[in-house]
């Protein structure tokens, strides 16, 4: 038992002025390299579902794995405390390291879930043609290889390098977008 698995449940919609605001995230919004800091969509949930929401509200270090629709996408949560709480969609499961665990850093678990070894085994469990999915009981039976402490440190270092590269890519993309927008401001075609 390395991690506790949380399977998100359906949260009923709340009425404006009476609901609890949450941000929701699905597999397509998981960052390829880096931390999930906010949800992609805001929604109101029924106030009576608040307790159920607490169980699936993302916490720092929660590892996400998509098991419905798009299979095998991964992410790791580091919610921004100044934004709304994040709830994963039902296409994702949440893995929380159980203490004491032979894996010391949730990033290491996420990197393992991204490995070709795990992804091949996960794909072998997929059922359904219209909406592919992986049953939770099958997922629980998959073995988790435990890296040595040195390997765990190397996996974390690699993740941190990927995260920094992704940050630089996003900065360059922002610069490109701004340059493209500013060129039109200097012409008489668009004002």
Protein backbone atom coordinates (compact mmCIF):
# COMPACT_ATOMS: atom_id res chain seq x y z
CA UNK A 1 0.00 0.00 0.00
CA UNK A 2 1.97 2.96 -1.32
CA UNK A 3 -0.91 5.32 -1.91
CA UNK A 4 -4.53 5.88 -1.04
CA UNK A 5 -6.71 6.03 -4.14
CA UNK A 6 -9.53 8.57 -4.26
CA UNK A 7 -12.11 8.11 -7.02
CA UNK A 8 -13.96 11.40 -7.58
CA UNK A 9 -17.72 11.19 -7.25
CA UNK A 10 -20.39 13.17 -9.06
CA UNK A 11 -20.98 16.52 -7.40
CA UNK A 12 -24.46 17.93 -7.92
CA UNK A 13 -24.71 21.42 -9.35
CA UNK A 14 -25.59 24.22 -6.95
CA UNK A 15 -27.86 27.18 -7.49
CA UNK A 16 -26.37 30.66 -7.96
CA UNK A 17 -25.97 32.34 -4.59
CA UNK A 18 -26.41 29.05 -2.73
CA UNK A 19 -23.74 26.79 -4.18
CA UNK A 20 -20.12 26.25 -3.19
CA UNK A 21 -17.62 27.44 -5.82
CA UNK A 22 -14.98 24.95 -6.96
CA UNK A 23 -12.63 24.71 -9.92
CA UNK A 24 -12.67 21.49 -11.91
CA UNK A 25 -9.86 19.90 -13.90
CA UNK A 26 -9.86 17.08 -16.44
CA UNK A 27 -7.11 15.05 -18.11
CA UNK A 28 -6.65 17.59 -20.93
CA UNK A 29 -5.71 20.33 -18.46
CA UNK A 30 -2.94 18.43 -16.69
CA UNK A 31 0.37 20.22 -17.31
CA UNK A 32 2.87 18.03 -19.18
CA UNK A 33 5.75 19.20 -16.98
CA UNK A 34 5.05 21.08 -13.82
CA UNK A 35 2.42 21.40 -11.16
CA UNK A 36 -1.33 21.74 -11.44
CA UNK A 37 -2.03 25.01 -9.61
CA UNK A 38 -5.63 25.78 -10.62
CA UNK A 39 -8.68 24.27 -12.24
CA UNK A 40 -9.75 25.01 -15.78
CA UNK A 41 -13.46 25.56 -15.14
CA UNK A 42 -15.40 27.11 -12.29
CA UNK A 43 -18.61 25.53 -11.16
CA UNK A 44 -21.03 25.70 -8.26
CA UNK A 45 -21.72 22.51 -6.35
CA UNK A 46 -24.66 21.77 -4.09
CA UNK A 47 -23.89 22.80 -0.47
CA UNK A 48 -24.78 19.31 0.79
CA UNK A 49 -22.01 17.86 -1.39
CA UNK A 50 -19.36 19.94 0.43
CA UNK A 51 -18.37 17.01 2.69
CA UNK A 52 -18.03 14.63 -0.25
CA UNK A 53 -16.04 17.32 -2.08
CA UNK A 54 -13.60 17.54 0.84
CA UNK A 55 -12.50 13.97 0.20
CA UNK A 56 -11.66 14.68 -3.43
CA UNK A 57 -10.41 18.27 -3.04
CA UNK A 58 -6.85 18.33 -4.36
CA UNK A 59 -4.02 18.83 -1.90
CA UNK A 60 -0.36 19.62 -2.55
CA UNK A 61 1.39 16.44 -3.63
CA UNK A 62 -1.69 14.63 -4.91
CA UNK A 63 -0.84 12.60 -7.99
CA UNK A 64 -3.47 12.44 -10.74
CA UNK A 65 -3.94 9.65 -13.27
CA UNK A 66 -6.56 9.58 -16.03
CA UNK A 67 -8.41 6.27 -16.18
CA UNK A 68 -11.42 7.17 -18.32
CA UNK A 69 -11.49 8.54 -21.87
CA UNK A 70 -7.89 9.63 -22.29
CA UNK A 71 -5.95 6.90 -20.49
CA UNK A 72 -2.62 7.41 -18.75
CA UNK A 73 -2.30 11.21 -18.47
CA UNK A 74 -0.60 12.21 -15.23
CA UNK A 75 -0.14 15.31 -13.15
CA UNK A 76 0.76 16.48 -9.69
CA UNK A 77 -1.15 19.05 -7.69
CA UNK A 78 0.18 22.15 -6.01
CA UNK A 79 -2.99 24.21 -5.59
CA UNK A 80 -2.64 27.97 -5.36
CA UNK A 81 -4.01 28.90 -1.91
CA UNK A 82 -5.33 32.21 -3.30
CA UNK A 83 -7.61 30.51 -5.83
CA UNK A 84 -10.67 28.27 -5.63
CA UNK A 85 -10.33 24.69 -4.41
CA UNK A 86 -9.76 22.16 -7.19
CA UNK A 87 -11.86 19.08 -7.84
CA UNK A 88 -10.76 16.46 -10.38
CA UNK A 89 -13.25 15.27 -12.97
CA UNK A 90 -14.50 11.69 -12.85
CA UNK A 91 -12.01 10.83 -15.60
CA UNK A 92 -9.18 11.11 -13.07
CA UNK A 93 -8.20 9.30 -9.91
CA UNK A 94 -6.18 10.84 -7.10
CA UNK A 95 -3.27 8.99 -5.49
CA UNK A 96 -2.06 10.22 -2.10
CA UNK A 97 1.13 8.76 -0.69
CA UNK A 98 0.43 6.79 2.44
CA UNK A 99 2.90 7.32 5.22
CA UNK A 100 5.35 5.80 5.82
CA UNK A 101 5.97 4.96 2.18
CA UNK A 102 9.05 3.61 0.41
CA UNK A 103 8.46 6.43 -2.10
CA UNK A 104 9.39 9.65 -0.33
CA UNK A 105 8.28 12.21 -2.91
CA UNK A 106 4.96 12.21 -4.82
CA UNK A 107 6.85 13.44 -7.90
CA UNK A 108 8.62 10.06 -7.96
CA UNK A 109 5.27 8.25 -8.01
CA UNK A 110 4.07 10.46 -10.86
CA UNK A 111 7.28 9.84 -12.82
CA UNK A 112 6.79 6.09 -12.35
CA UNK A 113 3.21 6.39 -13.65
CA UNK A 114 4.62 8.12 -16.75
CA UNK A 115 7.17 5.35 -17.35
CA UNK A 116 6.86 3.14 -20.44
CA UNK A 117 6.71 0.14 -18.06
CA UNK A 118 3.62 1.40 -16.22
CA UNK A 119 1.92 2.91 -19.28
CA UNK A 120 2.16 -0.44 -21.16
CA UNK A 121 0.61 -2.29 -18.23
CA UNK A 122 -2.09 0.34 -17.84
CA UNK A 123 -3.01 0.10 -21.55
CA UNK A 124 -3.36 -3.68 -21.19
CA UNK A 125 -6.18 -3.10 -18.68
CA UNK A 126 -8.27 -0.78 -20.88
CA UNK A 127 -11.81 -1.91 -21.59
CA UNK A 128 -14.58 -0.24 -23.54
CA UNK A 129 -14.60 0.96 -27.12
CA UNK A 130 -16.81 4.03 -26.96
CA UNK A 131 -15.27 5.40 -23.76
CA UNK A 132 -12.08 3.56 -22.82
CA UNK A 133 -11.60 3.08 -19.10
CA UNK A 134 -9.62 1.18 -16.49
CA UNK A 135 -11.40 -0.45 -13.56
CA UNK A 136 -10.17 0.56 -10.13
CA UNK A 137 -9.88 -3.08 -9.05
CA UNK A 138 -7.57 -3.80 -12.01
CA UNK A 139 -5.51 -0.68 -11.32
CA UNK A 140 -4.97 -1.72 -7.69
CA UNK A 141 -3.39 -4.98 -8.87
CA UNK A 142 -0.68 -3.30 -10.92
CA UNK A 143 2.77 -3.61 -9.36
CA UNK A 144 4.66 -0.46 -8.43
CA UNK A 145 8.42 -0.69 -8.82
CA UNK A 146 10.21 1.07 -5.97
CA UNK A 147 13.28 3.02 -7.10
CA UNK A 148 16.28 3.21 -4.82
CA UNK A 149 16.73 6.44 -2.88
CA UNK A 150 19.39 7.59 -5.39
CA UNK A 151 17.02 6.81 -8.28
CA UNK A 152 14.24 8.72 -6.53
CA UNK A 153 16.51 11.76 -6.21
CA UNK A 154 17.41 11.49 -9.91
CA UNK A 155 13.75 11.23 -10.91
CA UNK A 156 12.98 14.39 -8.91
CA UNK A 157 15.94 16.22 -10.46
CA UNK A 158 14.74 15.24 -13.95
CA UNK A 159 11.21 16.47 -13.17
CA UNK A 160 12.58 19.79 -11.89
CA UNK A 161 14.62 20.21 -15.10
CA UNK A 162 11.55 19.46 -17.23
CA UNK A 163 9.51 21.92 -15.18
CA UNK A 164 12.09 24.68 -15.72
CA UNK A 165 12.20 23.99 -19.48
CA UNK A 166 8.39 24.13 -19.62
CA UNK A 167 8.42 27.47 -17.79
CA UNK A 168 10.89 28.86 -20.36
CA UNK A 169 8.74 27.55 -23.24
CA UNK A 170 5.66 29.26 -21.80
CA UNK A 171 7.59 32.53 -21.41
CA UNK A 172 8.71 32.37 -25.05
CA UNK A 173 5.17 31.61 -26.22
CA UNK A 174 3.89 34.65 -24.28
CA UNK A 175 6.58 36.81 -25.90
CA UNK A 176 5.59 35.55 -29.36
CA UNK A 177 1.91 36.28 -28.71
CA UNK A 178 2.67 39.81 -27.46
CA UNK A 179 4.91 40.52 -30.48
CA UNK A 180 2.18 39.36 -32.84
CA UNK A 181 -0.45 41.51 -31.10
CA UNK A 182 1.78 44.59 -30.97
CA UNK A 183 2.54 44.57 -34.70
CA UNK A 184 -1.15 45.11 -35.46
CA UNK A 185 -1.34 48.05 -33.08
CA UNK A 186 1.19 49.94 -35.24
CA UNK A 187 -0.80 49.53 -38.45
CA UNK A 188 -3.83 51.39 -39.60
CA UNK A 189 -5.67 48.12 -40.29
CA UNK A 190 -6.70 47.34 -36.71
CA UNK A 191 -7.33 49.83 -33.92
